[in-house]
């Protein structure tokens, strides 16, 4: 049985990826994972591929283990794995709730790694993994401290894993978008700590570009010329200077 697995599938870029994968691939099932069951169930009417929905919070280890057990039972081939589950928080690390910040690492990093690693025995040459990083993956970002660090991990993990899987013919791509208008901000932005946003894109625009880049087997997908230029500059300039510019934009010391 050929399947695709998409986490964070209830909203935002995860949901957009469900619809994009449904159109682009001939699959037996789409396995969609997110916390909100009713959002997942609504995908049945939007996709041609049969949907199998799992209302799981992947930051909980028991749900990661449930995914592993399900794979062992069904033994599918995972043609495409998309790790889009994740969240962030804006604010000074010392002021934000510690458990909520640790939850960022649990979902963005630990869960993503677990889903990737548990999936590998069920992937073959020609299959692909898509992990969601961020424009924040490339540099330390004050007032998004834990989130940015978590996405730096995703970028590094994806690059190294892709190199290891090259001999197996399994492609790994990391999507690193800039500012995207999704429900991410409903959870992340609770005050005016982050007030400067230079350019917005939609989740549809990011996923459309990612699907094109996946077909070209690119290792990194970045939507927007300004974002790509910013990434190039960040690679050249000292991190202290980058953080100074960022803090000045946000009117922070």
Protein backbone atom coordinates (compact mmCIF):
# COMPACT_ATOMS: atom_id res chain seq x y z
CA UNK A 1 0.00 0.00 0.00
CA UNK A 2 1.38 3.40 -1.02
CA UNK A 3 0.69 6.28 1.35
CA UNK A 4 1.71 9.83 2.20
CA UNK A 5 2.02 11.02 5.79
CA UNK A 6 1.43 14.69 6.66
CA UNK A 7 1.72 16.03 10.20
CA UNK A 8 0.25 19.37 11.27
CA UNK A 9 -2.47 18.60 8.71
CA UNK A 10 -5.36 20.44 10.35
CA UNK A 11 -4.38 23.96 9.28
CA UNK A 12 -1.86 26.21 7.58
CA UNK A 13 0.89 24.75 5.48
CA UNK A 14 0.21 21.21 6.63
CA UNK A 15 -3.35 21.36 5.30
CA UNK A 16 -2.15 22.95 2.06
CA UNK A 17 0.34 20.13 1.67
CA UNK A 18 -2.39 17.52 2.11
CA UNK A 19 -4.27 18.97 -0.85
CA UNK A 20 -1.12 19.42 -2.93
CA UNK A 21 0.09 15.84 -2.35
CA UNK A 22 -3.42 14.54 -3.05
CA UNK A 23 -3.32 16.19 -6.48
CA UNK A 24 0.26 15.31 -7.35
CA UNK A 25 0.48 11.64 -6.32
CA UNK A 26 -1.55 8.50 -6.93
CA UNK A 27 -1.80 6.97 -3.47
CA UNK A 28 -3.88 4.38 -1.67
CA UNK A 29 -4.27 6.51 1.44
CA UNK A 30 -3.32 9.84 2.95
CA UNK A 31 -2.42 9.58 6.62
CA UNK A 32 -3.05 12.96 8.26
CA UNK A 33 -1.97 13.77 11.80
CA UNK A 34 -2.88 16.74 14.02
CA UNK A 35 -4.55 17.41 17.34
CA UNK A 36 -7.97 18.60 16.07
CA UNK A 37 -10.06 15.65 14.93
CA UNK A 38 -12.85 17.69 13.33
CA UNK A 39 -10.38 19.59 11.15
CA UNK A 40 -8.87 16.32 9.96
CA UNK A 41 -12.24 14.75 9.22
CA UNK A 42 -13.19 17.69 7.00
CA UNK A 43 -10.35 16.71 4.65
CA UNK A 44 -12.40 13.73 3.45
CA UNK A 45 -14.53 16.02 1.30
CA UNK A 46 -11.53 17.95 -0.07
CA UNK A 47 -9.36 15.07 -1.30
CA UNK A 48 -9.73 12.36 -3.93
CA UNK A 49 -7.45 10.02 -1.98
CA UNK A 50 -8.95 8.12 0.98
CA UNK A 51 -8.04 9.85 4.25
CA UNK A 52 -6.95 8.08 7.43
CA UNK A 53 -7.04 10.64 10.23
CA UNK A 54 -5.11 10.44 13.51
CA UNK A 55 -5.98 13.13 16.10
CA UNK A 56 -2.65 12.90 17.89
CA UNK A 57 -0.50 15.41 19.72
CA UNK A 58 2.88 14.26 18.44
CA UNK A 59 4.76 15.99 21.25
CA UNK A 60 3.48 13.16 23.46
CA UNK A 61 5.87 10.16 23.26
CA UNK A 62 2.97 7.69 23.43
CA UNK A 63 1.62 9.03 20.14
CA UNK A 64 5.02 8.76 18.50
CA UNK A 65 5.09 5.13 19.62
CA UNK A 66 1.54 4.62 18.33
CA UNK A 67 2.72 5.80 14.90
CA UNK A 68 5.60 3.32 15.00
CA UNK A 69 3.25 0.48 16.00
CA UNK A 70 0.82 1.36 13.20
CA UNK A 71 3.59 1.22 10.62
CA UNK A 72 4.69 -2.16 11.93
CA UNK A 73 1.12 -3.42 11.61
CA UNK A 74 0.23 -2.03 8.16
CA UNK A 75 3.70 -2.10 6.56
CA UNK A 76 2.97 0.55 3.90
CA UNK A 77 5.40 2.27 1.57
CA UNK A 78 5.62 5.95 2.50
CA UNK A 79 5.99 7.76 -0.80
CA UNK A 80 6.02 11.21 0.81
CA UNK A 81 6.44 12.25 4.44
CA UNK A 82 5.70 15.89 5.30
CA UNK A 83 6.56 17.13 8.80
CA UNK A 84 4.60 20.38 9.10
CA UNK A 85 3.59 20.16 12.77
CA UNK A 86 5.12 22.85 14.93
CA UNK A 87 4.63 26.08 16.85
CA UNK A 88 6.54 29.03 18.24
CA UNK A 89 6.25 31.79 20.82
CA UNK A 90 7.23 35.46 20.57
CA UNK A 91 8.71 37.13 23.63
CA UNK A 92 11.73 37.20 25.91
CA UNK A 93 12.74 33.66 26.88
CA UNK A 94 12.94 34.64 30.55
CA UNK A 95 9.36 35.95 30.53
CA UNK A 96 7.60 33.12 28.68
CA UNK A 97 6.25 29.99 30.32
CA UNK A 98 9.05 27.45 30.52
CA UNK A 99 6.88 24.40 29.82
CA UNK A 100 5.42 26.02 26.70
CA UNK A 101 8.93 26.74 25.45
CA UNK A 102 10.06 23.18 26.11
CA UNK A 103 6.99 22.07 24.20
CA UNK A 104 8.37 23.83 21.12
CA UNK A 105 11.43 21.58 21.23
CA UNK A 106 9.29 18.51 21.93
CA UNK A 107 7.14 19.07 18.83
CA UNK A 108 9.42 20.89 16.39
CA UNK A 109 12.47 18.71 17.02
CA UNK A 110 11.88 15.54 19.02
CA UNK A 111 8.59 14.59 17.35
CA UNK A 112 9.86 15.49 13.88
CA UNK A 113 12.94 13.34 14.41
CA UNK A 114 10.87 10.44 15.72
CA UNK A 115 8.45 10.51 12.79
CA UNK A 116 11.33 10.64 10.31
CA UNK A 117 13.28 7.83 11.94
CA UNK A 118 10.27 5.57 12.44
CA UNK A 119 9.30 6.12 8.79
CA UNK A 120 12.66 5.24 7.21
CA UNK A 121 12.20 1.45 7.17
CA UNK A 122 9.05 2.01 5.10
CA UNK A 123 10.62 4.20 2.41
CA UNK A 124 12.36 3.22 -0.82
CA UNK A 125 14.28 4.82 -3.67
CA UNK A 126 12.27 7.67 -5.17
CA UNK A 127 10.42 8.48 -1.95
CA UNK A 128 10.78 11.84 -0.21
CA UNK A 129 10.79 13.59 3.16
CA UNK A 130 9.78 17.25 3.50
CA UNK A 131 10.58 18.97 6.80
CA UNK A 132 9.47 22.47 7.71
CA UNK A 133 12.22 24.76 8.87
CA UNK A 134 11.94 28.54 8.79
CA UNK A 135 13.70 31.69 7.72
CA UNK A 136 14.73 31.63 11.39
CA UNK A 137 16.71 28.44 10.75
CA UNK A 138 19.70 30.44 9.51
CA UNK A 139 20.51 32.65 12.51
CA UNK A 140 19.83 33.16 16.23
CA UNK A 141 16.71 35.29 16.73
CA UNK A 142 16.20 37.12 20.04
CA UNK A 143 12.60 37.16 21.29
CA UNK A 144 11.98 34.02 19.21
CA UNK A 145 14.88 32.29 20.92
CA UNK A 146 13.66 28.73 21.37
CA UNK A 147 11.62 28.67 18.15
CA UNK A 148 14.55 29.85 16.01
CA UNK A 149 16.90 27.37 17.67
CA UNK A 150 14.39 24.57 17.09
CA UNK A 151 14.24 25.41 13.40
CA UNK A 152 18.04 25.55 13.13
CA UNK A 153 17.94 21.96 14.34
CA UNK A 154 15.42 21.02 11.64
CA UNK A 155 17.62 22.49 8.91
CA UNK A 156 20.76 20.74 10.16
CA UNK A 157 18.95 17.45 10.72
CA UNK A 158 17.38 17.55 7.25
CA UNK A 159 20.67 18.29 5.51
CA UNK A 160 22.57 15.52 7.27
CA UNK A 161 19.76 12.99 6.93
CA UNK A 162 19.49 13.77 3.23
CA UNK A 163 23.17 13.08 2.79
CA UNK A 164 22.89 9.74 4.57
CA UNK A 165 19.85 8.70 2.53
CA UNK A 166 21.37 9.67 -0.81
CA UNK A 167 22.65 6.13 -1.38
CA UNK A 168 19.12 4.80 -0.80
CA UNK A 169 17.63 7.24 -3.29
CA UNK A 170 15.41 8.88 -0.66
CA UNK A 171 15.29 12.66 -1.05
CA UNK A 172 15.08 15.07 1.90
CA UNK A 173 14.04 18.70 1.44
CA UNK A 174 13.76 21.43 4.09
CA UNK A 175 11.23 24.21 3.47
CA UNK A 176 12.39 27.52 4.98
CA UNK A 177 9.66 30.16 4.53
CA UNK A 178 9.59 33.75 5.68
CA UNK A 179 6.51 35.33 7.30
CA UNK A 180 3.39 33.31 6.52
CA UNK A 181 -0.20 34.24 7.38
CA UNK A 182 -1.41 31.14 9.22
CA UNK A 183 -2.84 30.22 12.62
CA UNK A 184 0.76 29.99 13.82
CA UNK A 185 0.48 33.67 14.78
CA UNK A 186 -2.63 33.12 16.89
CA UNK A 187 -0.50 31.00 19.19
CA UNK A 188 2.87 32.75 18.86
CA UNK A 189 1.95 36.43 19.06
CA UNK A 190 0.47 37.41 22.42
CA UNK A 191 1.77 41.00 22.58
CA UNK A 192 3.71 43.52 20.47
CA UNK A 193 7.17 42.10 21.19
CA UNK A 194 7.53 41.27 17.49
CA UNK A 195 6.14 44.22 15.57
CA UNK A 196 8.11 44.42 12.33
CA UNK A 197 7.18 42.07 9.47
CA UNK A 198 8.91 42.91 6.20
CA UNK A 199 7.01 40.72 3.74
CA UNK A 200 4.12 38.28 3.91
CA UNK A 201 3.36 35.16 1.87
CA UNK A 202 0.43 32.77 1.98
CA UNK A 203 0.68 29.10 2.88
CA UNK A 204 -0.56 28.29 -0.62
CA UNK A 205 2.31 30.20 -2.22
CA UNK A 206 4.89 28.46 -0.02
CA UNK A 207 3.50 24.98 -0.69
CA UNK A 208 3.20 25.59 -4.43
CA UNK A 209 6.89 26.54 -4.55
CA UNK A 210 7.81 23.58 -2.33
CA UNK A 211 6.02 21.12 -4.62
CA UNK A 212 7.90 22.49 -7.63
CA UNK A 213 11.20 22.28 -5.74
CA UNK A 214 10.41 18.75 -4.59
CA UNK A 215 9.92 17.67 -8.19
CA UNK A 216 13.34 19.18 -8.97
CA UNK A 217 14.76 17.34 -5.93
CA UNK A 218 16.05 20.52 -4.34
CA UNK A 219 17.44 20.26 -0.84
CA UNK A 220 16.12 23.65 0.34
CA UNK A 221 12.90 25.39 -0.71
CA UNK A 222 12.56 29.14 -0.11
CA UNK A 223 9.64 31.14 -1.45
CA UNK A 224 10.42 34.68 -2.54
CA UNK A 225 13.49 36.43 -3.94
CA UNK A 226 13.72 38.84 -0.94
CA UNK A 227 13.81 35.90 1.49
CA UNK A 228 16.50 34.13 -0.53
CA UNK A 229 18.61 37.30 -0.59
CA UNK A 230 18.19 37.70 3.16
CA UNK A 231 19.44 34.15 3.68
CA UNK A 232 22.52 34.87 1.58
CA UNK A 233 23.29 38.00 3.60
CA UNK A 234 22.86 36.16 6.89
CA UNK A 235 25.46 33.63 5.77
CA UNK A 236 27.99 36.43 5.18
CA UNK A 237 27.41 38.82 8.07
CA UNK A 238 28.38 38.25 11.73
CA UNK A 239 25.55 36.96 13.91
CA UNK A 240 25.95 39.83 16.36
CA UNK A 241 25.30 42.30 13.56
CA UNK A 242 22.28 40.32 12.35
CA UNK A 243 20.84 40.27 15.87
CA UNK A 244 21.48 44.01 16.28
CA UNK A 245 19.58 44.74 13.07
CA UNK A 246 16.72 42.47 14.10
CA UNK A 247 16.44 44.04 17.57
CA UNK A 248 16.47 47.53 16.08
CA UNK A 249 13.65 46.57 13.72
CA UNK A 250 11.64 45.31 16.70
CA UNK A 251 12.54 48.41 18.76
CA UNK A 252 14.42 46.35 21.32
CA UNK A 253 17.77 47.09 22.97
